[in-house]
N, C-alpha and C. Protein backbone atom coordinates (compact mmCIF):
# COMPACT_ATOMS: atom_id res chain seq x y z
N MET A 1 276.92 216.79 188.59
CA MET A 1 277.84 217.77 188.42
C MET A 1 279.10 217.61 187.29
N PRO A 2 278.77 217.47 185.95
CA PRO A 2 279.55 216.85 184.45
C PRO A 2 280.90 217.61 184.75
N LYS A 3 282.03 216.78 184.18
CA LYS A 3 282.92 217.06 183.84
C LYS A 3 283.98 218.09 183.29
N ALA A 4 284.49 218.45 182.97
CA ALA A 4 285.30 220.01 182.49
C ALA A 4 286.86 219.68 181.66
N TYR A 5 286.45 220.50 180.76
CA TYR A 5 287.82 219.82 179.76
C TYR A 5 288.44 220.94 179.43
N TRP A 6 290.42 221.14 179.26
CA TRP A 6 290.97 222.27 178.41
C TRP A 6 291.28 221.36 177.52
N ILE A 7 290.21 222.55 176.08
CA ILE A 7 291.18 221.71 174.62
C ILE A 7 291.57 222.73 174.60
N SER A 8 293.20 222.24 174.70
CA SER A 8 294.28 223.83 174.54
C SER A 8 294.81 222.93 172.29
N ALA A 9 294.48 224.36 171.26
CA ALA A 9 294.93 223.31 170.14
C ALA A 9 296.38 224.72 169.50
N TYR A 10 297.27 223.98 169.49
CA TYR A 10 298.60 225.13 168.83
C TYR A 10 298.09 225.92 167.34
N ARG A 11 297.84 226.95 167.26
CA ARG A 11 298.09 227.26 165.20
C ARG A 11 299.39 227.24 165.07
N GLN A 12 300.41 227.94 165.93
CA GLN A 12 302.34 227.71 165.46
C GLN A 12 303.02 227.85 167.20
N ILE A 13 303.69 227.38 166.66
CA ILE A 13 304.92 226.81 167.41
C ILE A 13 305.41 228.27 167.35
N HIS A 14 306.24 229.58 167.13
CA HIS A 14 307.48 230.04 167.34
C HIS A 14 309.25 230.03 168.07
N ASN A 15 308.46 229.43 169.07
CA ASN A 15 310.06 229.37 170.09
C ASN A 15 310.03 227.99 170.87
N PRO A 16 309.88 226.95 170.51
CA PRO A 16 310.23 225.80 170.93
C PRO A 16 310.96 225.63 172.38
N ASP A 17 311.81 226.40 172.67
CA ASP A 17 312.36 226.54 173.95
C ASP A 17 310.96 226.91 175.36
N ALA A 18 310.26 228.35 174.51
CA ALA A 18 309.39 228.94 175.73
C ALA A 18 308.87 227.84 176.13
N LEU A 19 308.78 227.69 174.49
CA LEU A 19 306.57 225.93 175.00
C LEU A 19 307.78 224.91 175.86
N ALA A 20 308.45 224.77 175.54
CA ALA A 20 309.26 224.05 177.32
C ALA A 20 309.31 224.11 177.91
N ALA A 21 309.72 225.72 178.38
CA ALA A 21 309.72 226.38 179.69
C ALA A 21 308.62 226.38 180.43
N TYR A 22 307.25 226.31 179.45
CA TYR A 22 305.90 226.53 179.86
C TYR A 22 305.50 224.90 180.45
N ALA A 23 305.66 223.80 179.61
CA ALA A 23 305.17 222.67 179.97
C ALA A 23 305.95 222.24 180.89
N LYS A 24 307.46 222.47 181.11
CA LYS A 24 308.00 221.59 182.41
C LYS A 24 307.06 222.44 184.42
N LEU A 25 306.27 223.55 183.95
CA LEU A 25 305.70 224.31 184.88
C LEU A 25 304.02 224.05 184.90
N ALA A 26 303.55 223.87 183.35
CA ALA A 26 302.04 224.02 183.39
C ALA A 26 301.41 222.52 183.79
N GLY A 27 302.75 221.11 183.23
CA GLY A 27 302.25 219.98 184.02
C GLY A 27 301.87 220.08 185.26
N PRO A 28 302.69 220.08 186.34
CA PRO A 28 302.35 219.78 186.72
C PRO A 28 301.47 220.73 188.30
N ALA A 29 301.03 222.58 187.31
CA ALA A 29 300.33 222.82 187.82
C ALA A 29 298.96 222.75 187.83
N ILE A 30 298.78 222.01 185.91
CA ILE A 30 297.07 221.66 186.39
C ILE A 30 296.85 220.19 186.46
N THR A 31 298.46 219.50 186.96
CA THR A 31 297.26 218.10 187.83
C THR A 31 297.33 218.79 189.25
N ALA A 32 298.68 219.32 189.74
CA ALA A 32 298.01 220.24 191.09
C ALA A 32 296.56 220.48 191.57
N ALA A 33 296.30 220.84 190.11
CA ALA A 33 294.59 221.52 190.20
C ALA A 33 293.75 220.22 190.10
N GLY A 34 293.58 219.70 189.90
CA GLY A 34 293.49 218.32 189.82
C GLY A 34 292.92 217.98 188.33
N GLY A 35 293.91 218.38 187.17
CA GLY A 35 293.92 218.01 186.14
C GLY A 35 294.64 216.53 186.30
N ARG A 36 293.90 216.09 184.38
CA ARG A 36 294.12 214.98 184.67
C ARG A 36 294.35 214.48 182.70
N PHE A 37 295.53 214.82 182.14
CA PHE A 37 295.81 214.46 180.75
C PHE A 37 294.71 213.85 180.09
N LEU A 38 294.32 213.74 179.46
CA LEU A 38 293.87 212.90 178.18
C LEU A 38 294.42 212.90 176.75
N ALA A 39 295.36 213.63 176.51
CA ALA A 39 296.11 213.15 175.30
C ALA A 39 296.17 214.49 174.98
N ARG A 40 297.24 214.22 174.29
CA ARG A 40 298.90 215.92 173.88
C ARG A 40 299.23 215.12 172.82
N GLY A 41 299.99 215.85 172.30
CA GLY A 41 300.36 215.49 170.62
C GLY A 41 299.77 215.90 169.59
N MET A 42 300.28 215.60 168.34
CA MET A 42 299.78 215.60 167.28
C MET A 42 298.73 214.83 167.33
N PRO A 43 297.24 215.72 166.46
CA PRO A 43 296.56 214.17 165.73
C PRO A 43 297.39 212.97 164.96
N ALA A 44 296.61 211.92 165.15
CA ALA A 44 296.39 210.79 164.12
C ALA A 44 296.30 210.91 162.55
N ALA A 45 295.17 211.89 163.02
CA ALA A 45 294.52 212.30 161.83
C ALA A 45 293.58 213.25 161.63
N VAL A 46 293.78 214.09 160.42
CA VAL A 46 292.39 215.26 160.46
C VAL A 46 291.46 214.99 159.97
N LYS A 47 290.05 215.41 159.74
CA LYS A 47 289.01 215.19 159.07
C LYS A 47 287.84 216.53 158.36
N GLU A 48 287.78 216.64 157.16
CA GLU A 48 286.91 218.01 157.63
C GLU A 48 287.58 219.55 157.26
N ALA A 49 287.66 220.60 158.27
CA ALA A 49 288.04 221.31 158.17
C ALA A 49 289.40 221.57 158.87
N GLY A 50 289.07 220.25 159.73
CA GLY A 50 290.50 219.62 160.96
C GLY A 50 292.25 220.55 160.25
N VAL A 51 292.83 220.84 161.25
CA VAL A 51 294.08 220.63 161.01
C VAL A 51 295.21 220.17 161.34
N MET A 52 296.08 220.26 160.69
CA MET A 52 297.58 219.11 161.57
C MET A 52 298.14 220.14 162.62
N GLN A 53 297.59 220.28 164.43
CA GLN A 53 298.26 221.06 164.81
C GLN A 53 298.24 220.13 166.38
N ARG A 54 298.79 220.95 167.12
CA ARG A 54 300.24 219.70 168.32
C ARG A 54 297.93 220.64 169.49
N THR A 55 297.65 219.23 169.49
CA THR A 55 296.61 219.47 170.49
C THR A 55 296.68 218.99 172.11
N VAL A 56 296.13 219.31 172.79
CA VAL A 56 296.12 218.90 174.52
C VAL A 56 294.61 218.93 175.12
N LEU A 57 294.14 217.66 175.59
CA LEU A 57 293.69 217.42 175.75
C LEU A 57 292.88 216.99 177.58
N VAL A 58 292.54 218.13 178.53
CA VAL A 58 292.36 218.17 180.08
C VAL A 58 291.48 217.83 181.05
N GLU A 59 291.21 216.93 181.08
CA GLU A 59 290.05 216.31 182.28
C GLU A 59 289.54 217.16 183.82
N PHE A 60 288.94 217.63 183.45
CA PHE A 60 288.36 218.30 185.08
C PHE A 60 287.64 217.63 185.91
N ASP A 61 287.07 217.29 187.32
CA ASP A 61 286.09 216.83 187.94
C ASP A 61 284.71 217.14 187.80
N ASN A 62 285.07 219.44 187.42
CA ASN A 62 283.39 220.16 187.12
C ASN A 62 284.47 221.41 186.48
N LEU A 63 283.22 222.74 185.83
CA LEU A 63 283.54 223.66 185.56
C LEU A 63 285.02 224.53 186.19
N ALA A 64 283.99 224.20 187.27
CA ALA A 64 284.92 225.53 188.15
C ALA A 64 286.41 225.21 188.91
N ALA A 65 286.51 223.69 188.84
CA ALA A 65 288.00 223.33 189.02
C ALA A 65 288.87 223.94 188.18
N ALA A 66 288.19 223.79 186.16
CA ALA A 66 289.08 224.09 184.97
C ALA A 66 288.96 225.24 185.42
N GLN A 67 288.51 226.20 185.92
CA GLN A 67 288.58 228.05 185.84
C GLN A 67 289.94 228.12 186.53
N ALA A 68 289.23 227.25 187.90
CA ALA A 68 290.25 227.55 188.83
C ALA A 68 291.94 227.23 189.24
N ALA A 69 291.93 226.41 187.45
CA ALA A 69 293.34 225.55 187.48
C ALA A 69 293.87 227.20 186.76
N TYR A 70 293.04 226.88 185.79
CA TYR A 70 294.15 228.26 184.91
C TYR A 70 294.30 229.88 185.43
N ASP A 71 293.25 229.98 186.32
CA ASP A 71 293.54 231.67 186.92
C ASP A 71 294.46 231.12 188.57
N SER A 72 295.27 230.06 188.46
CA SER A 72 296.17 229.65 189.55
C SER A 72 297.63 230.32 189.48
N PRO A 73 297.77 230.89 190.48
CA PRO A 73 299.15 231.31 190.96
C PRO A 73 300.50 230.30 190.11
N MET A 74 299.81 229.22 189.98
CA MET A 74 301.11 228.12 189.54
C MET A 74 301.24 228.03 187.72
N TYR A 75 299.41 227.57 187.49
CA TYR A 75 299.56 228.34 186.42
C TYR A 75 299.78 229.69 184.81
N LYS A 76 300.22 230.90 186.41
CA LYS A 76 300.52 232.08 186.02
C LYS A 76 301.30 232.56 185.52
N GLU A 77 302.92 231.36 186.57
CA GLU A 77 303.90 231.39 186.62
C GLU A 77 304.56 230.69 185.06
N ALA A 78 303.94 230.16 185.04
CA ALA A 78 304.00 228.89 183.66
C ALA A 78 303.58 229.41 182.19
N LEU A 79 302.45 230.39 182.00
CA LEU A 79 302.09 231.44 181.66
C LEU A 79 303.04 232.39 180.76
N ASP A 80 304.03 232.93 182.89
CA ASP A 80 304.97 234.16 182.56
C ASP A 80 305.66 233.39 181.54
N ALA A 81 306.49 232.09 181.50
CA ALA A 81 307.33 231.70 181.31
C ALA A 81 306.90 231.56 179.84
N LEU A 82 306.07 231.21 179.73
CA LEU A 82 305.60 231.02 177.49
C LEU A 82 305.08 232.75 177.62
N GLY A 83 305.70 233.63 177.81
CA GLY A 83 305.88 234.75 177.15
C GLY A 83 304.90 235.24 175.80
N THR A 84 304.47 236.21 175.62
CA THR A 84 304.07 236.75 174.39
C THR A 84 304.87 236.79 172.94
N GLY A 85 303.81 235.82 171.94
CA GLY A 85 304.47 235.67 170.84
C GLY A 85 304.97 234.82 170.83
N ASN A 86 305.00 233.99 171.45
CA ASN A 86 306.10 232.51 171.44
C ASN A 86 305.05 231.44 170.94
N VAL A 87 303.97 231.89 170.75
CA VAL A 87 303.18 230.07 170.17
C VAL A 87 301.51 231.24 170.35
N GLU A 88 301.19 230.41 169.08
CA GLU A 88 299.60 231.43 169.21
C GLU A 88 298.41 229.71 168.92
N ARG A 89 298.56 230.22 169.88
CA ARG A 89 297.04 229.13 170.14
C ARG A 89 295.39 229.31 171.12
N GLU A 90 294.63 228.66 171.20
CA GLU A 90 293.70 229.29 171.80
C GLU A 90 293.70 228.14 172.35
N ILE A 91 292.96 227.60 173.87
CA ILE A 91 292.53 227.14 174.87
C ILE A 91 290.77 227.45 175.39
N ARG A 92 290.70 226.64 174.73
CA ARG A 92 289.16 226.48 175.50
C ARG A 92 287.77 224.91 176.50
N ILE A 93 287.50 226.22 177.59
CA ILE A 93 287.31 225.37 178.72
C ILE A 93 285.66 224.99 178.44
N ILE A 94 285.44 223.73 178.32
CA ILE A 94 284.09 223.28 177.63
C ILE A 94 283.80 222.36 178.71
N GLU A 95 282.27 222.03 179.28
CA GLU A 95 281.55 221.40 180.30
C GLU A 95 281.33 220.42 179.46
N GLY A 96 281.04 219.57 179.88
CA GLY A 96 280.75 218.21 179.56
C GLY A 96 279.77 217.37 178.99
N ALA A 97 279.25 216.89 178.83
CA ALA A 97 277.95 216.62 178.20
C ALA A 97 277.62 215.84 179.45
C-alpha cells in the first residue's frame, strides 16, 4: 500500500495569530494520527509558474490514514482555532507513487 501525503500551500496569511493558534493544535493532531512532517516553511526557490508561499508536506502510512487525520476531532479543533478568512490555502491529499 503506497504512502500518502498532505501538501498544504498557503496563498496568503491574513492573521498570523490565528495561524499560530492553529499550528499549536494541528501539529500534535497530525502526529497523533501518524503524520510525519517532511518539510514546512518558505521554498528555497520556486521555478516555472511556482509561487513563493509557505508550503507544508506531511507523510502518512497510507491514504486512509491521511484522510482520517484530516477528519479527526483533534484536527477539527485546530481548524476551529484557525477560523474563517484568516488564511487562504489549499490542502491536497495525494497517494504516493
